[in-house]
């Protein structure tokens, strides 16, 4: 099984920051202002979800190749 590559990690972090930025922009447009702890939470939550889904998908594809 091949480990997660640096490219995948960079992609997860980049998309997590974009997601957190969009959520911060939405909060700011609603009049809530910028909250750093919420920005960090959104970024880390999104990155964690993406990593878990990618790992599950990779393991599922890898096991299906072993069965053939």
PDB file of N, CA and C in Angstrom:
ATOM      1  N   UNK A   1       0.836  -1.179   0.000  1.00  0.00           N
ATOM      2  CA  UNK A   1       0.000   0.000   0.000  1.00  0.00           C
ATOM      3  C   UNK A   1       0.883   1.245   0.000  1.00  0.00           C
ATOM      4  N   UNK A   2       0.600   2.162  -0.893  1.00  0.00           N
ATOM      5  CA  UNK A   2       1.368   3.386  -1.039  1.00  0.00           C
ATOM      6  C   UNK A   2       0.896   4.427  -0.017  1.00  0.00           C
ATOM      7  N   UNK A   3       1.810   5.086   0.694  1.00  0.00           N
ATOM      8  CA  UNK A   3       1.400   6.089   1.687  1.00  0.00           C
ATOM      9  C   UNK A   3       0.883   7.363   1.003  1.00  0.00           C
ATOM     10  N   UNK A   4       0.228   8.197   1.776  1.00  0.00           N
ATOM     11  CA  UNK A   4      -0.274   9.473   1.264  1.00  0.00           C
ATOM     12  C   UNK A   4       0.910  10.320   0.828  1.00  0.00           C
ATOM     13  N   UNK A   5       0.825  10.866  -0.361  1.00  0.00           N
ATOM     14  CA  UNK A   5       1.929  11.633  -0.908  1.00  0.00           C
ATOM     15  C   UNK A   5       1.896  13.075  -0.424  1.00  0.00           C
ATOM     16  N   UNK A   6       3.008  13.767  -0.632  1.00  0.00           N
ATOM     17  CA  UNK A   6       3.101  15.170  -0.248  1.00  0.00           C
ATOM     18  C   UNK A   6       2.114  16.020  -1.035  1.00  0.00           C
ATOM     19  N   UNK A   7       1.872  15.630  -2.290  1.00  0.00           N
ATOM     20  CA  UNK A   7       0.931  16.375  -3.122  1.00  0.00           C
ATOM     21  C   UNK A   7      -0.474  16.315  -2.543  1.00  0.00           C
ATOM     22  N   UNK A   8      -0.870  15.147  -2.046  1.00  0.00           N
ATOM     23  CA  UNK A   8      -2.196  15.016  -1.445  1.00  0.00           C
ATOM     24  C   UNK A   8      -2.304  15.868  -0.185  1.00  0.00           C
ATOM     25  N   UNK A   9      -1.266  15.873   0.622  1.00  0.00           N
ATOM     26  CA  UNK A   9      -1.283  16.667   1.851  1.00  0.00           C
ATOM     27  C   UNK A   9      -1.387  18.150   1.525  1.00  0.00           C
ATOM     28  N   UNK A  10      -0.611  18.602   0.543  1.00  0.00           N
ATOM     29  CA  UNK A  10      -0.677  20.007   0.136  1.00  0.00           C
ATOM     30  C   UNK A  10      -2.061  20.355  -0.400  1.00  0.00           C
ATOM     31  N   UNK A  11      -2.637  19.451  -1.172  1.00  0.00           N
ATOM     32  CA  UNK A  11      -3.977  19.691  -1.721  1.00  0.00           C
ATOM     33  C   UNK A  11      -5.010  19.788  -0.615  1.00  0.00           C
ATOM     34  N   UNK A  12      -4.949  18.881   0.360  1.00  0.00           N
ATOM     35  CA  UNK A  12      -5.895  18.920   1.477  1.00  0.00           C
ATOM     36  C   UNK A  12      -5.774  20.231   2.251  1.00  0.00           C
ATOM     37  N   UNK A  13      -4.536  20.650   2.529  1.00  0.00           N
ATOM     38  CA  UNK A  13      -4.341  21.894   3.265  1.00  0.00           C
ATOM     39  C   UNK A  13      -4.827  23.100   2.473  1.00  0.00           C
ATOM     40  N   UNK A  14      -4.534  23.133   1.190  1.00  0.00           N
ATOM     41  CA  UNK A  14      -4.951  24.246   0.344  1.00  0.00           C
ATOM     42  C   UNK A  14      -6.482  24.335   0.263  1.00  0.00           C
ATOM     43  N   UNK A  15      -7.140  23.210   0.016  1.00  0.00           N
ATOM     44  CA  UNK A  15      -8.600  23.231  -0.063  1.00  0.00           C
ATOM     45  C   UNK A  15      -9.239  23.517   1.298  1.00  0.00           C
ATOM     46  N   UNK A  16      -8.601  23.054   2.370  1.00  0.00           N
ATOM     47  CA  UNK A  16      -9.100  23.362   3.711  1.00  0.00           C
ATOM     48  C   UNK A  16      -9.043  24.843   4.018  1.00  0.00           C
ATOM     49  N   UNK A  17      -7.962  25.492   3.601  1.00  0.00           N
ATOM     50  CA  UNK A  17      -7.845  26.935   3.815  1.00  0.00           C
ATOM     51  C   UNK A  17      -8.851  27.701   2.960  1.00  0.00           C
ATOM     52  N   UNK A  18      -9.092  27.235   1.750  1.00  0.00           N
ATOM     53  CA  UNK A  18     -10.098  27.887   0.897  1.00  0.00           C
ATOM     54  C   UNK A  18     -11.481  27.741   1.521  1.00  0.00           C
ATOM     55  N   UNK A  19     -11.807  26.536   1.970  1.00  0.00           N
ATOM     56  CA  UNK A  19     -13.105  26.308   2.617  1.00  0.00           C
ATOM     57  C   UNK A  19     -13.259  27.192   3.861  1.00  0.00           C
ATOM     58  N   UNK A  20     -12.238  27.238   4.686  1.00  0.00           N
ATOM     59  CA  UNK A  20     -12.302  28.057   5.899  1.00  0.00           C
ATOM     60  C   UNK A  20     -12.421  29.531   5.550  1.00  0.00           C
ATOM     61  N   UNK A  21     -11.738  29.958   4.490  1.00  0.00           N
ATOM     62  CA  UNK A  21     -11.846  31.350   4.050  1.00  0.00           C
ATOM     63  C   UNK A  21     -13.244  31.685   3.572  1.00  0.00           C
ATOM     64  N   UNK A  22     -13.857  30.765   2.829  1.00  0.00           N
ATOM     65  CA  UNK A  22     -15.227  30.988   2.372  1.00  0.00           C
ATOM     66  C   UNK A  22     -16.200  31.049   3.558  1.00  0.00           C
ATOM     67  N   UNK A  23     -15.999  30.177   4.518  1.00  0.00           N
ATOM     68  CA  UNK A  23     -16.863  30.196   5.699  1.00  0.00           C
ATOM     69  C   UNK A  23     -16.663  31.468   6.522  1.00  0.00           C
ATOM     70  N   UNK A  24     -15.407  31.933   6.608  1.00  0.00           N
ATOM     71  CA  UNK A  24     -15.140  33.182   7.326  1.00  0.00           C
ATOM     72  C   UNK A  24     -15.775  34.359   6.588  1.00  0.00           C
ATOM     73  N   UNK A  25     -15.722  34.337   5.257  1.00  0.00           N
ATOM     74  CA  UNK A  25     -16.367  35.377   4.465  1.00  0.00           C
ATOM     75  C   UNK A  25     -17.871  35.383   4.656  1.00  0.00           C
ATOM     76  N   UNK A  26     -18.460  34.200   4.726  1.00  0.00           N
ATOM     77  CA  UNK A  26     -19.897  34.105   4.983  1.00  0.00           C
ATOM     78  C   UNK A  26     -20.240  34.664   6.362  1.00  0.00           C
ATOM     79  N   UNK A  27     -19.484  34.284   7.377  1.00  0.00           N
ATOM     80  CA  UNK A  27     -19.725  34.807   8.724  1.00  0.00           C
ATOM     81  C   UNK A  27     -19.581  36.327   8.752  1.00  0.00           C
ATOM     82  N   UNK A  28     -18.569  36.829   8.050  1.00  0.00           N
ATOM     83  CA  UNK A  28     -18.348  38.277   8.022  1.00  0.00           C
ATOM     84  C   UNK A  28     -19.503  38.988   7.318  1.00  0.00           C
ATOM     85  N   UNK A  29     -20.022  38.390   6.259  1.00  0.00           N
ATOM     86  CA  UNK A  29     -21.140  39.017   5.545  1.00  0.00           C
ATOM     87  C   UNK A  29     -22.420  38.997   6.369  1.00  0.00           C
ATOM     88  N   UNK A  30     -22.541  38.048   7.271  1.00  0.00           N
ATOM     89  CA  UNK A  30     -23.703  37.977   8.159  1.00  0.00           C
ATOM     90  C   UNK A  30     -23.565  38.912   9.358  1.00  0.00           C
ATOM     91  N   UNK A  31     -22.405  39.550   9.502  1.00  0.00           N
ATOM     92  CA  UNK A  31     -22.206  40.506  10.583  1.00  0.00           C
ATOM     93  C   UNK A  31     -21.569  39.918  11.824  1.00  0.00           C
ATOM     94  N   UNK A  32     -21.027  38.710  11.748  1.00  0.00           N
ATOM     95  CA  UNK A  32     -20.428  38.075  12.922  1.00  0.00           C
ATOM     96  C   UNK A  32     -18.966  38.443  13.125  1.00  0.00           C
ATOM     97  N   UNK A  33     -18.302  38.923  12.105  1.00  0.00           N
ATOM     98  CA  UNK A  33     -16.892  39.254  12.235  1.00  0.00           C
ATOM     99  C   UNK A  33     -16.016  38.027  12.087  1.00  0.00           C
ATOM    100  N   UNK A  34     -14.710  38.258  12.061  1.00  0.00           N
ATOM    101  CA  UNK A  34     -13.745  37.181  11.890  1.00  0.00           C
ATOM    102  C   UNK A  34     -13.357  36.613  13.243  1.00  0.00           C
ATOM    103  N   UNK A  35     -13.454  35.286  13.367  1.00  0.00           N
ATOM    104  CA  UNK A  35     -13.046  34.594  14.584  1.00  0.00           C
ATOM    105  C   UNK A  35     -11.986  33.564  14.224  1.00  0.00           C
ATOM    106  N   UNK A  36     -10.796  33.750  14.750  1.00  0.00           N
ATOM    107  CA  UNK A  36      -9.665  32.887  14.411  1.00  0.00           C
ATOM    108  C   UNK A  36      -9.905  31.444  14.805  1.00  0.00           C
ATOM    109  N   UNK A  37     -10.451  31.206  15.992  1.00  0.00           N
ATOM    110  CA  UNK A  37     -10.657  29.834  16.437  1.00  0.00           C
ATOM    111  C   UNK A  37     -11.628  29.102  15.521  1.00  0.00           C
ATOM    112  N   UNK A  38     -12.631  29.809  14.999  1.00  0.00           N
ATOM    113  CA  UNK A  38     -13.589  29.186  14.088  1.00  0.00           C
ATOM    114  C   UNK A  38     -12.945  28.897  12.726  1.00  0.00           C
ATOM    115  N   UNK A  39     -12.070  29.801  12.271  1.00  0.00           N
ATOM    116  CA  UNK A  39     -11.338  29.601  11.021  1.00  0.00           C
ATOM    117  C   UNK A  39     -10.466  28.352  11.127  1.00  0.00           C
ATOM    118  N   UNK A  40      -9.747  28.216  12.227  1.00  0.00           N
ATOM    119  CA  UNK A  40      -8.885  27.049  12.437  1.00  0.00           C
ATOM    120  C   UNK A  40      -9.725  25.780  12.524  1.00  0.00           C
ATOM    121  N   UNK A  41     -10.864  25.841  13.198  1.00  0.00           N
ATOM    122  CA  UNK A  41     -11.737  24.679  13.302  1.00  0.00           C
ATOM    123  C   UNK A  41     -12.240  24.245  11.939  1.00  0.00           C
ATOM    124  N   UNK A  42     -12.719  25.188  11.130  1.00  0.00           N
ATOM    125  CA  UNK A  42     -13.231  24.844   9.802  1.00  0.00           C
ATOM    126  C   UNK A  42     -12.134  24.235   8.932  1.00  0.00           C
ATOM    127  N   UNK A  43     -10.952  24.825   8.957  1.00  0.00           N
ATOM    128  CA  UNK A  43      -9.847  24.315   8.131  1.00  0.00           C
ATOM    129  C   UNK A  43      -9.448  22.912   8.569  1.00  0.00           C
ATOM    130  N   UNK A  44      -9.277  22.703   9.872  1.00  0.00           N
ATOM    131  CA  UNK A  44      -8.827  21.392  10.353  1.00  0.00           C
ATOM    132  C   UNK A  44      -9.909  20.329  10.165  1.00  0.00           C
ATOM    133  N   UNK A  45     -11.164  20.697  10.347  1.00  0.00           N
ATOM    134  CA  UNK A  45     -12.261  19.746  10.158  1.00  0.00           C
ATOM    135  C   UNK A  45     -12.349  19.302   8.701  1.00  0.00           C
ATOM    136  N   UNK A  46     -12.244  20.248   7.780  1.00  0.00           N
ATOM    137  CA  UNK A  46     -12.313  19.925   6.361  1.00  0.00           C
ATOM    138  C   UNK A  46     -11.132  19.049   5.944  1.00  0.00           C
ATOM    139  N   UNK A  47      -9.934  19.389   6.407  1.00  0.00           N
ATOM    140  CA  UNK A  47      -8.739  18.601   6.071  1.00  0.00           C
ATOM    141  C   UNK A  47      -8.864  17.187   6.627  1.00  0.00           C
ATOM    142  N   UNK A  48      -9.336  17.045   7.836  1.00  0.00           N
ATOM    143  CA  UNK A  48      -9.498  15.728   8.441  1.00  0.00           C
ATOM    144  C   UNK A  48     -10.514  14.891   7.672  1.00  0.00           C
ATOM    145  N   UNK A  49     -11.645  15.486   7.314  1.00  0.00           N
ATOM    146  CA  UNK A  49     -12.658  14.753   6.545  1.00  0.00           C
ATOM    147  C   UNK A  49     -12.123  14.332   5.187  1.00  0.00           C
ATOM    148  N   UNK A  50     -11.427  15.211   4.501  1.00  0.00           N
ATOM    149  CA  UNK A  50     -10.868  14.873   3.193  1.00  0.00           C
ATOM    150  C   UNK A  50      -9.847  13.743   3.318  1.00  0.00           C
ATOM    151  N   UNK A  51      -9.019  13.781   4.335  1.00  0.00           N
ATOM    152  CA  UNK A  51      -8.004  12.745   4.523  1.00  0.00           C
ATOM    153  C   UNK A  51      -8.646  11.393   4.835  1.00  0.00           C
ATOM    154  N   UNK A  52      -9.659  11.384   5.681  1.00  0.00           N
ATOM    155  CA  UNK A  52     -10.331  10.135   6.018  1.00  0.00           C
ATOM    156  C   UNK A  52     -11.059   9.547   4.815  1.00  0.00           C
ATOM    157  N   UNK A  53     -11.737  10.388   4.037  1.00  0.00           N
ATOM    158  CA  UNK A  53     -12.429   9.891   2.845  1.00  0.00           C
ATOM    159  C   UNK A  53     -11.443   9.386   1.811  1.00  0.00           C
ATOM    160  N   UNK A  54     -10.338  10.070   1.655  1.00  0.00           N
ATOM    161  CA  UNK A  54      -9.321   9.643   0.692  1.00  0.00           C
ATOM    162  C   UNK A  54      -8.697   8.325   1.120  1.00  0.00           C
ATOM    163  N   UNK A  55      -8.418   8.190   2.407  1.00  0.00           N
ATOM    164  CA  UNK A  55      -7.837   6.956   2.924  1.00  0.00           C
ATOM    165  C   UNK A  55      -8.790   5.784   2.735  1.00  0.00           C
ATOM    166  N   UNK A  56     -10.061   6.002   3.027  1.00  0.00           N
ATOM    167  CA  UNK A  56     -11.066   4.953   2.861  1.00  0.00           C
ATOM    168  C   UNK A  56     -11.170   4.542   1.395  1.00  0.00           C
ATOM    169  N   UNK A  57     -11.230   5.522   0.519  1.00  0.00           N
ATOM    170  CA  UNK A  57     -11.330   5.242  -0.912  1.00  0.00           C
ATOM    171  C   UNK A  57     -10.093   4.505  -1.415  1.00  0.00           C
ATOM    172  N   UNK A  58      -8.924   4.936  -0.981  1.00  0.00           N
ATOM    173  CA  UNK A  58      -7.690   4.291  -1.419  1.00  0.00           C
ATOM    174  C   UNK A  58      -7.624   2.852  -0.924  1.00  0.00           C
ATOM    175  N   UNK A  59      -7.983   2.625   0.332  1.00  0.00           N
ATOM    176  CA  UNK A  59      -7.961   1.261   0.879  1.00  0.00           C
ATOM    177  C   UNK A  59      -8.990   0.379   0.184  1.00  0.00           C
ATOM    178  N   UNK A  60     -10.146   0.933  -0.130  1.00  0.00           N
ATOM    179  CA  UNK A  60     -11.174   0.158  -0.810  1.00  0.00           C
ATOM    180  C   UNK A  60     -10.723  -0.226  -2.205  1.00  0.00           C
ATOM    181  N   UNK A  61     -10.118   0.710  -2.935  1.00  0.00           N
ATOM    182  CA  UNK A  61      -9.611   0.411  -4.274  1.00  0.00           C
ATOM    183  C   UNK A  61      -8.448  -0.569  -4.223  1.00  0.00           C
ATOM    184  N   UNK A  62      -7.589  -0.412  -3.234  1.00  0.00           N
ATOM    185  CA  UNK A  62      -6.439  -1.293  -3.095  1.00  0.00           C
ATOM    186  C   UNK A  62      -6.866  -2.726  -2.794  1.00  0.00           C
ATOM    187  N   UNK A  63      -7.861  -2.897  -1.943  1.00  0.00           N
ATOM    188  CA  UNK A  63      -8.334  -4.244  -1.592  1.00  0.00           C
ATOM    189  C   UNK A  63      -9.076  -4.883  -2.756  1.00  0.00           C
ATOM    190  N   UNK A  64      -9.766  -4.079  -3.565  1.00  0.00           N
ATOM    191  CA  UNK A  64     -10.465  -4.651  -4.712  1.00  0.00           C
ATOM    192  C   UNK A  64      -9.481  -5.129  -5.778  1.00  0.00           C
ATOM    193  N   UNK A  65      -8.336  -4.485  -5.875  1.00  0.00           N
ATOM    194  CA  UNK A  65      -7.299  -4.915  -6.826  1.00  0.00           C
ATOM    195  C   UNK A  65      -6.654  -6.218  -6.365  1.00  0.00           C
ATOM    196  N   UNK A  66      -6.551  -6.411  -5.044  1.00  0.00           N
ATOM    197  CA  UNK A  66      -5.959  -7.642  -4.512  1.00  0.00           C
ATOM    198  C   UNK A  66      -6.864  -8.844  -4.775  1.00  0.00           C
ATOM    199  N   UNK A  67      -8.173  -8.626  -4.810  1.00  0.00           N
ATOM    200  CA  UNK A  67      -9.119  -9.716  -5.022  1.00  0.00           C
ATOM    201  C   UNK A  67      -9.127 -10.208  -6.458  1.00  0.00           C
ATOM    202  N   UNK A  68      -8.687  -9.397  -7.388  1.00  0.00           N
ATOM    203  CA  UNK A  68      -8.706  -9.777  -8.805  1.00  0.00           C
ATOM    204  C   UNK A  68      -7.501 -10.559  -9.213  1.00  0.00           C
TER     205      UNK A  68
END
